[in-house]
Amino acid sequence: GQMVASAGPLLQIKHLVWRHAIISAEICRRLAGLR
């Protein structure tokens, strides 16, 4: 997350990609628990 939070011209895209990664991680965690 610290890599993604660094300033740069594509900060908006980095935030979208990071949010997707965190949501995916949590979904995977929950699905794994159910299985």
PDB file of all heavy atoms in Angstrom:
ATOM      1  N   GLY A   1       0.812  -1.210   0.000  1.00  0.00           N
ATOM      2  CA  GLY A   1       0.000   0.000   0.000  1.00  0.00           C
ATOM      3  C   GLY A   1       0.848   1.264   0.000  1.00  0.00           C
ATOM      4  O   GLY A   1       0.491   2.265  -0.616  1.00  0.00           O
ATOM      5  N   GLN A   2       1.988   1.213   0.664  1.00  0.00           N
ATOM      6  CA  GLN A   2       2.882   2.374   0.670  1.00  0.00           C
ATOM      7  C   GLN A   2       3.422   2.648  -0.725  1.00  0.00           C
ATOM      8  O   GLN A   2       3.617   3.797  -1.110  1.00  0.00           O
ATOM      9  CB  GLN A   2       4.017   2.167   1.667  1.00  0.00           C
ATOM     10  CG  GLN A   2       3.558   2.288   3.110  1.00  0.00           C
ATOM     11  CD  GLN A   2       4.643   1.984   4.112  1.00  0.00           C
ATOM     12  OE1 GLN A   2       5.611   1.289   3.819  1.00  0.00           O
ATOM     13  NE2 GLN A   2       4.495   2.508   5.305  1.00  0.00           N
ATOM     14  N   MET A   3       3.674   1.602  -1.500  1.00  0.00           N
ATOM     15  CA  MET A   3       4.130   1.792  -2.880  1.00  0.00           C
ATOM     16  C   MET A   3       3.058   2.506  -3.699  1.00  0.00           C
ATOM     17  O   MET A   3       3.343   3.380  -4.496  1.00  0.00           O
ATOM     18  CB  MET A   3       4.420   0.445  -3.549  1.00  0.00           C
ATOM     19  CG  MET A   3       5.676  -0.217  -3.116  1.00  0.00           C
ATOM     20  SD  MET A   3       5.851  -1.739  -4.069  1.00  0.00           S
ATOM     21  CE  MET A   3       6.462  -2.814  -2.810  1.00  0.00           C
ATOM     22  N   VAL A   4       1.825   2.114  -3.483  1.00  0.00           N
ATOM     23  CA  VAL A   4       0.717   2.661  -4.254  1.00  0.00           C
ATOM     24  C   VAL A   4       0.414   4.099  -3.835  1.00  0.00           C
ATOM     25  O   VAL A   4       0.002   4.908  -4.652  1.00  0.00           O
ATOM     26  CB  VAL A   4      -0.543   1.772  -4.070  1.00  0.00           C
ATOM     27  CG1 VAL A   4      -1.746   2.389  -4.717  1.00  0.00           C
ATOM     28  CG2 VAL A   4      -0.285   0.394  -4.649  1.00  0.00           C
ATOM     29  N   ALA A   5       0.663   4.420  -2.577  1.00  0.00           N
ATOM     30  CA  ALA A   5       0.315   5.747  -2.073  1.00  0.00           C
ATOM     31  C   ALA A   5       1.304   6.830  -2.481  1.00  0.00           C
ATOM     32  O   ALA A   5       1.029   8.007  -2.301  1.00  0.00           O
ATOM     33  CB  ALA A   5       0.208   5.701  -0.555  1.00  0.00           C
ATOM     34  N   SER A   6       2.432   6.449  -3.052  1.00  0.00           N
ATOM     35  CA  SER A   6       3.421   7.456  -3.422  1.00  0.00           C
ATOM     36  C   SER A   6       2.869   8.365  -4.517  1.00  0.00           C
ATOM     37  O   SER A   6       2.141   7.939  -5.405  1.00  0.00           O
ATOM     38  CB  SER A   6       4.714   6.791  -3.883  1.00  0.00           C
ATOM     39  OG  SER A   6       4.480   6.011  -5.036  1.00  0.00           O
ATOM     40  N   ALA A   7       3.239   9.630  -4.426  1.00  0.00           N
ATOM     41  CA  ALA A   7       2.750  10.619  -5.388  1.00  0.00           C
ATOM     42  C   ALA A   7       3.245  10.294  -6.789  1.00  0.00           C
ATOM     43  O   ALA A   7       4.273   9.648  -6.962  1.00  0.00           O
ATOM     44  CB  ALA A   7       3.214  12.008  -4.980  1.00  0.00           C
ATOM     45  N   GLY A   8       2.507  10.741  -7.765  1.00  0.00           N
ATOM     46  CA  GLY A   8       2.891  10.537  -9.153  1.00  0.00           C
ATOM     47  C   GLY A   8       1.747  10.935 -10.063  1.00  0.00           C
ATOM     48  O   GLY A   8       0.610  11.113  -9.607  1.00  0.00           O
ATOM     49  N   PRO A   9       2.038  11.055 -11.347  1.00  0.00           N
ATOM     50  CA  PRO A   9       1.007  11.499 -12.282  1.00  0.00           C
ATOM     51  C   PRO A   9      -0.167  10.535 -12.441  1.00  0.00           C
ATOM     52  O   PRO A   9      -1.228  10.929 -12.901  1.00  0.00           O
ATOM     53  CB  PRO A   9       1.761  11.675 -13.601  1.00  0.00           C
ATOM     54  CG  PRO A   9       3.042  10.956 -13.449  1.00  0.00           C
ATOM     55  CD  PRO A   9       3.334  10.870 -12.000  1.00  0.00           C
ATOM     56  N   LEU A  10       0.010   9.274 -12.037  1.00  0.00           N
ATOM     57  CA  LEU A  10      -1.070   8.288 -12.187  1.00  0.00           C
ATOM     58  C   LEU A  10      -1.623   7.847 -10.828  1.00  0.00           C
ATOM     59  O   LEU A  10      -2.098   6.722 -10.673  1.00  0.00           O
ATOM     60  CB  LEU A  10      -0.571   7.080 -12.987  1.00  0.00           C
ATOM     61  CG  LEU A  10      -0.058   7.383 -14.391  1.00  0.00           C
ATOM     62  CD1 LEU A  10       0.427   6.114 -15.073  1.00  0.00           C
ATOM     63  CD2 LEU A  10      -1.117   8.061 -15.230  1.00  0.00           C
ATOM     64  N   LEU A  11      -1.576   8.751  -9.871  1.00  0.00           N
ATOM     65  CA  LEU A  11      -2.035   8.433  -8.520  1.00  0.00           C
ATOM     66  C   LEU A  11      -3.476   7.920  -8.510  1.00  0.00           C
ATOM     67  O   LEU A  11      -3.801   6.975  -7.804  1.00  0.00           O
ATOM     68  CB  LEU A  11      -1.899   9.662  -7.615  1.00  0.00           C
ATOM     69  CG  LEU A  11      -2.197   9.457  -6.138  1.00  0.00           C
ATOM     70  CD1 LEU A  11      -1.242   8.421  -5.539  1.00  0.00           C
ATOM     71  CD2 LEU A  11      -2.073  10.770  -5.380  1.00  0.00           C
ATOM     72  N   GLN A  12      -4.330   8.506  -9.323  1.00  0.00           N
ATOM     73  CA  GLN A  12      -5.740   8.090  -9.392  1.00  0.00           C
ATOM     74  C   GLN A  12      -5.850   6.616  -9.790  1.00  0.00           C
ATOM     75  O   GLN A  12      -6.624   5.860  -9.206  1.00  0.00           O
ATOM     76  CB  GLN A  12      -6.487   8.963 -10.395  1.00  0.00           C
ATOM     77  CG  GLN A  12      -7.931   8.573 -10.587  1.00  0.00           C
ATOM     78  CD  GLN A  12      -8.604   9.357 -11.715  1.00  0.00           C
ATOM     79  OE1 GLN A  12      -7.985  10.149 -12.401  1.00  0.00           O
ATOM     80  NE2 GLN A  12      -9.891   9.131 -11.898  1.00  0.00           N
ATOM     81  N   ILE A  13      -5.058   6.212 -10.767  1.00  0.00           N
ATOM     82  CA  ILE A  13      -5.091   4.812 -11.214  1.00  0.00           C
ATOM     83  C   ILE A  13      -4.545   3.898 -10.127  1.00  0.00           C
ATOM     84  O   ILE A  13      -5.090   2.821  -9.876  1.00  0.00           O
ATOM     85  CB  ILE A  13      -4.300   4.633 -12.527  1.00  0.00           C
ATOM     86  CG1 ILE A  13      -4.926   5.453 -13.646  1.00  0.00           C
ATOM     87  CG2 ILE A  13      -4.227   3.167 -12.923  1.00  0.00           C
ATOM     88  CD1 ILE A  13      -4.115   5.460 -14.925  1.00  0.00           C
ATOM     89  N   LYS A  14      -3.470   4.321  -9.462  1.00  0.00           N
ATOM     90  CA  LYS A  14      -2.899   3.508  -8.387  1.00  0.00           C
ATOM     91  C   LYS A  14      -3.923   3.264  -7.289  1.00  0.00           C
ATOM     92  O   LYS A  14      -4.020   2.160  -6.766  1.00  0.00           O
ATOM     93  CB  LYS A  14      -1.644   4.173  -7.806  1.00  0.00           C
ATOM     94  CG  LYS A  14      -0.455   4.089  -8.711  1.00  0.00           C
ATOM     95  CD  LYS A  14       0.832   4.456  -8.008  1.00  0.00           C
ATOM     96  CE  LYS A  14       0.985   5.918  -7.828  1.00  0.00           C
ATOM     97  NZ  LYS A  14       2.328   6.300  -7.336  1.00  0.00           N
ATOM     98  N   HIS A  15      -4.690   4.286  -6.953  1.00  0.00           N
ATOM     99  CA  HIS A  15      -5.711   4.120  -5.916  1.00  0.00           C
ATOM    100  C   HIS A  15      -6.783   3.123  -6.344  1.00  0.00           C
ATOM    101  O   HIS A  15      -7.232   2.305  -5.536  1.00  0.00           O
ATOM    102  CB  HIS A  15      -6.334   5.475  -5.552  1.00  0.00           C
ATOM    103  CG  HIS A  15      -5.477   6.290  -4.663  1.00  0.00           C
ATOM    104  ND1 HIS A  15      -5.655   6.390  -3.320  1.00  0.00           N
ATOM    105  CD2 HIS A  15      -4.382   7.044  -4.949  1.00  0.00           C
ATOM    106  CE1 HIS A  15      -4.741   7.156  -2.798  1.00  0.00           C
ATOM    107  NE2 HIS A  15      -3.945   7.574  -3.761  1.00  0.00           N
ATOM    108  N   LEU A  16      -7.197   3.175  -7.597  1.00  0.00           N
ATOM    109  CA  LEU A  16      -8.196   2.224  -8.097  1.00  0.00           C
ATOM    110  C   LEU A  16      -7.664   0.790  -8.044  1.00  0.00           C
ATOM    111  O   LEU A  16      -8.367  -0.132  -7.616  1.00  0.00           O
ATOM    112  CB  LEU A  16      -8.595   2.575  -9.531  1.00  0.00           C
ATOM    113  CG  LEU A  16      -9.386   3.857  -9.731  1.00  0.00           C
ATOM    114  CD1 LEU A  16      -9.541   4.164 -11.218  1.00  0.00           C
ATOM    115  CD2 LEU A  16     -10.746   3.750  -9.056  1.00  0.00           C
ATOM    116  N   VAL A  17      -6.419   0.602  -8.466  1.00  0.00           N
ATOM    117  CA  VAL A  17      -5.807  -0.726  -8.475  1.00  0.00           C
ATOM    118  C   VAL A  17      -5.653  -1.241  -7.046  1.00  0.00           C
ATOM    119  O   VAL A  17      -5.920  -2.411  -6.760  1.00  0.00           O
ATOM    120  CB  VAL A  17      -4.454  -0.688  -9.224  1.00  0.00           C
ATOM    121  CG1 VAL A  17      -3.655  -1.948  -9.000  1.00  0.00           C
ATOM    122  CG2 VAL A  17      -4.679  -0.453 -10.713  1.00  0.00           C
ATOM    123  N   TRP A  18      -5.240  -0.369  -6.124  1.00  0.00           N
ATOM    124  CA  TRP A  18      -5.055  -0.776  -4.730  1.00  0.00           C
ATOM    125  C   TRP A  18      -6.382  -1.163  -4.089  1.00  0.00           C
ATOM    126  O   TRP A  18      -6.481  -2.175  -3.395  1.00  0.00           O
ATOM    127  CB  TRP A  18      -4.385   0.342  -3.934  1.00  0.00           C
ATOM    128  CG  TRP A  18      -4.159  -0.028  -2.512  1.00  0.00           C
ATOM    129  CD1 TRP A  18      -4.666   0.572  -1.411  1.00  0.00           C
ATOM    130  CD2 TRP A  18      -3.373  -1.125  -2.027  1.00  0.00           C
ATOM    131  NE1 TRP A  18      -4.246  -0.072  -0.284  1.00  0.00           N
ATOM    132  CE2 TRP A  18      -3.456  -1.111  -0.627  1.00  0.00           C
ATOM    133  CE3 TRP A  18      -2.619  -2.105  -2.647  1.00  0.00           C
ATOM    134  CZ2 TRP A  18      -2.803  -2.050   0.150  1.00  0.00           C
ATOM    135  CZ3 TRP A  18      -1.971  -3.043  -1.861  1.00  0.00           C
ATOM    136  CH2 TRP A  18      -2.061  -3.005  -0.479  1.00  0.00           C
ATOM    137  N   ARG A  19      -7.407  -0.365  -4.338  1.00  0.00           N
ATOM    138  CA  ARG A  19      -8.726  -0.680  -3.784  1.00  0.00           C
ATOM    139  C   ARG A  19      -9.201  -2.042  -4.286  1.00  0.00           C
ATOM    140  O   ARG A  19      -9.717  -2.859  -3.522  1.00  0.00           O
ATOM    141  CB  ARG A  19      -9.712   0.424  -4.180  1.00  0.00           C
ATOM    142  CG  ARG A  19     -11.093   0.196  -3.645  1.00  0.00           C
ATOM    143  CD  ARG A  19     -12.033   1.278  -4.150  1.00  0.00           C
ATOM    144  NE  ARG A  19     -13.391   0.842  -3.973  1.00  0.00           N
ATOM    145  CZ  ARG A  19     -14.255   1.418  -3.162  1.00  0.00           C
ATOM    146  NH1 ARG A  19     -13.913   2.481  -2.491  1.00  0.00           N
ATOM    147  NH2 ARG A  19     -15.474   0.946  -3.052  1.00  0.00           N
ATOM    148  N   HIS A  20      -9.010  -2.297  -5.570  1.00  0.00           N
ATOM    149  CA  HIS A  20      -9.372  -3.594  -6.156  1.00  0.00           C
ATOM    150  C   HIS A  20      -8.605  -4.730  -5.468  1.00  0.00           C
ATOM    151  O   HIS A  20      -9.180  -5.781  -5.162  1.00  0.00           O
ATOM    152  CB  HIS A  20      -9.091  -3.574  -7.662  1.00  0.00           C
ATOM    153  CG  HIS A  20      -9.286  -4.887  -8.330  1.00  0.00           C
ATOM    154  ND1 HIS A  20     -10.530  -5.374  -8.659  1.00  0.00           N
ATOM    155  CD2 HIS A  20      -8.381  -5.823  -8.728  1.00  0.00           C
ATOM    156  CE1 HIS A  20     -10.397  -6.564  -9.222  1.00  0.00           C
ATOM    157  NE2 HIS A  20      -9.105  -6.848  -9.281  1.00  0.00           N
ATOM    158  N   ALA A  21      -7.325  -4.515  -5.198  1.00  0.00           N
ATOM    159  CA  ALA A  21      -6.507  -5.553  -4.562  1.00  0.00           C
ATOM    160  C   ALA A  21      -6.984  -5.860  -3.145  1.00  0.00           C
ATOM    161  O   ALA A  21      -7.098  -7.032  -2.759  1.00  0.00           O
ATOM    162  CB  ALA A  21      -5.037  -5.126  -4.542  1.00  0.00           C
ATOM    163  N   ILE A  22      -7.287  -4.829  -2.381  1.00  0.00           N
ATOM    164  CA  ILE A  22      -7.743  -5.032  -1.000  1.00  0.00           C
ATOM    165  C   ILE A  22      -9.104  -5.722  -0.971  1.00  0.00           C
ATOM    166  O   ILE A  22      -9.340  -6.639  -0.185  1.00  0.00           O
ATOM    167  CB  ILE A  22      -7.792  -3.683  -0.241  1.00  0.00           C
ATOM    168  CG1 ILE A  22      -6.376  -3.144  -0.025  1.00  0.00           C
ATOM    169  CG2 ILE A  22      -8.524  -3.808   1.076  1.00  0.00           C
ATOM    170  CD1 ILE A  22      -5.509  -4.017   0.857  1.00  0.00           C
ATOM    171  N   ILE A  23      -9.998  -5.301  -1.843  1.00  0.00           N
ATOM    172  CA  ILE A  23     -11.324  -5.936  -1.904  1.00  0.00           C
ATOM    173  C   ILE A  23     -11.185  -7.396  -2.334  1.00  0.00           C
ATOM    174  O   ILE A  23     -11.805  -8.288  -1.744  1.00  0.00           O
ATOM    175  CB  ILE A  23     -12.257  -5.149  -2.848  1.00  0.00           C
ATOM    176  CG1 ILE A  23     -12.610  -3.804  -2.220  1.00  0.00           C
ATOM    177  CG2 ILE A  23     -13.514  -5.954  -3.169  1.00  0.00           C
ATOM    178  CD1 ILE A  23     -13.311  -2.843  -3.159  1.00  0.00           C
ATOM    179  N   SER A  24     -10.349  -7.659  -3.327  1.00  0.00           N
ATOM    180  CA  SER A  24     -10.124  -9.037  -3.784  1.00  0.00           C
ATOM    181  C   SER A  24      -9.546  -9.896  -2.668  1.00  0.00           C
ATOM    182  O   SER A  24      -9.953 -11.048  -2.488  1.00  0.00           O
ATOM    183  CB  SER A  24      -9.166  -9.049  -4.980  1.00  0.00           C
ATOM    184  OG  SER A  24      -9.735  -8.384  -6.066  1.00  0.00           O
ATOM    185  N   ALA A  25      -8.588  -9.337  -1.919  1.00  0.00           N
ATOM    186  CA  ALA A  25      -7.972 -10.084  -0.825  1.00  0.00           C
ATOM    187  C   ALA A  25      -9.007 -10.470   0.230  1.00  0.00           C
ATOM    188  O   ALA A  25      -9.027 -11.609   0.713  1.00  0.00           O
ATOM    189  CB  ALA A  25      -6.845  -9.260  -0.199  1.00  0.00           C
ATOM    190  N   GLU A  26      -9.866  -9.537   0.566  1.00  0.00           N
ATOM    191  CA  GLU A  26     -10.883  -9.819   1.582  1.00  0.00           C
ATOM    192  C   GLU A  26     -11.916 -10.828   1.075  1.00  0.00           C
ATOM    193  O   GLU A  26     -12.339 -11.722   1.807  1.00  0.00           O
ATOM    194  CB  GLU A  26     -11.562  -8.524   2.030  1.00  0.00           C
ATOM    195  CG  GLU A  26     -12.437  -8.693   3.248  1.00  0.00           C
ATOM    196  CD  GLU A  26     -11.714  -9.265   4.466  1.00  0.00           C
ATOM    197  OE1 GLU A  26     -10.532  -8.973   4.685  1.00  0.00           O
ATOM    198  OE2 GLU A  26     -12.363 -10.033   5.209  1.00  0.00           O
ATOM    199  N   ILE A  27     -12.314 -10.719  -0.169  1.00  0.00           N
ATOM    200  CA  ILE A  27     -13.243 -11.702  -0.750  1.00  0.00           C
ATOM    201  C   ILE A  27     -12.617 -13.086  -0.748  1.00  0.00           C
ATOM    202  O   ILE A  27     -13.261 -14.075  -0.373  1.00  0.00           O
ATOM    203  CB  ILE A  27     -13.670 -11.275  -2.172  1.00  0.00           C
ATOM    204  CG1 ILE A  27     -14.588 -10.056  -2.102  1.00  0.00           C
ATOM    205  CG2 ILE A  27     -14.350 -12.434  -2.910  1.00  0.00           C
ATOM    206  CD1 ILE A  27     -14.883  -9.412  -3.449  1.00  0.00           C
ATOM    207  N   CYS A  28     -11.355 -13.172  -1.158  1.00  0.00           N
ATOM    208  CA  CYS A  28     -10.661 -14.465  -1.168  1.00  0.00           C
ATOM    209  C   CYS A  28     -10.575 -15.051   0.235  1.00  0.00           C
ATOM    210  O   CYS A  28     -10.770 -16.249   0.428  1.00  0.00           O
ATOM    211  CB  CYS A  28      -9.261 -14.311  -1.765  1.00  0.00           C
ATOM    212  SG  CYS A  28      -9.262 -14.024  -3.541  1.00  0.00           S
ATOM    213  N   ARG A  29     -10.277 -14.193   1.221  1.00  0.00           N
ATOM    214  CA  ARG A  29     -10.195 -14.656   2.607  1.00  0.00           C
ATOM    215  C   ARG A  29     -11.528 -15.243   3.053  1.00  0.00           C
ATOM    216  O   ARG A  29     -11.592 -16.328   3.625  1.00  0.00           O
ATOM    217  CB  ARG A  29      -9.788 -13.512   3.530  1.00  0.00           C
ATOM    218  CG  ARG A  29      -9.798 -13.920   5.003  1.00  0.00           C
ATOM    219  CD  ARG A  29      -9.931 -12.776   5.984  1.00  0.00           C
ATOM    220  NE  ARG A  29      -9.177 -11.607   5.708  1.00  0.00           N
ATOM    221  CZ  ARG A  29      -8.041 -11.270   6.327  1.00  0.00           C
ATOM    222  NH1 ARG A  29      -7.542 -12.065   7.232  1.00  0.00           N
ATOM    223  NH2 ARG A  29      -7.442 -10.154   6.033  1.00  0.00           N
ATOM    224  N   ARG A  30     -12.598 -14.549   2.777  1.00  0.00           N
ATOM    225  CA  ARG A  30     -13.919 -15.005   3.222  1.00  0.00           C
ATOM    226  C   ARG A  30     -14.353 -16.281   2.503  1.00  0.00           C
ATOM    227  O   ARG A  30     -14.894 -17.192   3.126  1.00  0.00           O
ATOM    228  CB  ARG A  30     -14.943 -13.901   3.034  1.00  0.00           C
ATOM    229  CG  ARG A  30     -14.721 -12.772   4.011  1.00  0.00           C
ATOM    230  CD  ARG A  30     -15.714 -11.680   3.868  1.00  0.00           C
ATOM    231  NE  ARG A  30     -15.352 -10.563   4.742  1.00  0.00           N
ATOM    232  CZ  ARG A  30     -16.163  -9.591   5.035  1.00  0.00           C
ATOM    233  NH1 ARG A  30     -17.387  -9.569   4.562  1.00  0.00           N
ATOM    234  NH2 ARG A  30     -15.766  -8.616   5.821  1.00  0.00           N
ATOM    235  N   LEU A  31     -14.103 -16.343   1.201  1.00  0.00           N
ATOM    236  CA  LEU A  31     -14.459 -17.554   0.456  1.00  0.00           C
ATOM    237  C   LEU A  31     -13.636 -18.753   0.934  1.00  0.00           C
ATOM    238  O   LEU A  31     -14.169 -19.862   1.046  1.00  0.00           O
ATOM    239  CB  LEU A  31     -14.264 -17.342  -1.046  1.00  0.00           C
ATOM    240  CG  LEU A  31     -15.266 -16.408  -1.725  1.00  0.00           C
ATOM    241  CD1 LEU A  31     -14.872 -16.177  -3.178  1.00  0.00           C
ATOM    242  CD2 LEU A  31     -16.675 -16.967  -1.624  1.00  0.00           C
ATOM    243  N   ALA A  32     -12.362 -18.537   1.207  1.00  0.00           N
ATOM    244  CA  ALA A  32     -11.515 -19.625   1.696  1.00  0.00           C
ATOM    245  C   ALA A  32     -12.030 -20.139   3.034  1.00  0.00           C
ATOM    246  O   ALA A  32     -12.070 -21.347   3.269  1.00  0.00           O
ATOM    247  CB  ALA A  32     -10.068 -19.149   1.831  1.00  0.00           C
ATOM    248  N   GLY A  33     -12.447 -19.223   3.901  1.00  0.00           N
ATOM    249  CA  GLY A  33     -12.996 -19.628   5.200  1.00  0.00           C
ATOM    250  C   GLY A  33     -14.243 -20.477   5.045  1.00  0.00           C
ATOM    251  O   GLY A  33     -14.438 -21.460   5.772  1.00  0.00           O
ATOM    252  N   LEU A  34     -15.079 -20.135   4.094  1.00  0.00           N
ATOM    253  CA  LEU A  34     -16.303 -20.905   3.856  1.00  0.00           C
ATOM    254  C   LEU A  34     -16.014 -22.292   3.287  1.00  0.00           C
ATOM    255  O   LEU A  34     -16.818 -23.204   3.434  1.00  0.00           O
ATOM    256  CB  LEU A  34     -17.228 -20.144   2.898  1.00  0.00           C
ATOM    257  CG  LEU A  34     -17.803 -18.835   3.432  1.00  0.00           C
ATOM    258  CD1 LEU A  34     -18.550 -18.090   2.327  1.00  0.00           C
ATOM    259  CD2 LEU A  34     -18.722 -19.103   4.618  1.00  0.00           C
ATOM    260  N   ARG A  35     -14.873 -22.425   2.624  1.00  0.00           N
ATOM    261  CA  ARG A  35     -14.519 -23.697   1.989  1.00  0.00           C
ATOM    262  C   ARG A  35     -13.433 -24.458   2.748  1.00  0.00           C
ATOM    263  O   ARG A  35     -12.858 -25.414   2.240  1.00  0.00           O
ATOM    264  CB  ARG A  35     -14.066 -23.458   0.554  1.00  0.00           C
ATOM    265  CG  ARG A  35     -15.176 -22.926  -0.310  1.00  0.00           C
ATOM    266  CD  ARG A  35     -14.680 -22.664  -1.707  1.00  0.00           C
ATOM    267  NE  ARG A  35     -15.762 -22.219  -2.558  1.00  0.00           N
ATOM    268  CZ  ARG A  35     -16.405 -22.999  -3.412  1.00  0.00           C
ATOM    269  NH1 ARG A  35     -16.076 -24.258  -3.540  1.00  0.00           N
ATOM    270  NH2 ARG A  35     -17.377 -22.514  -4.150  1.00  0.00           N
TER     271      ARG A  35
END
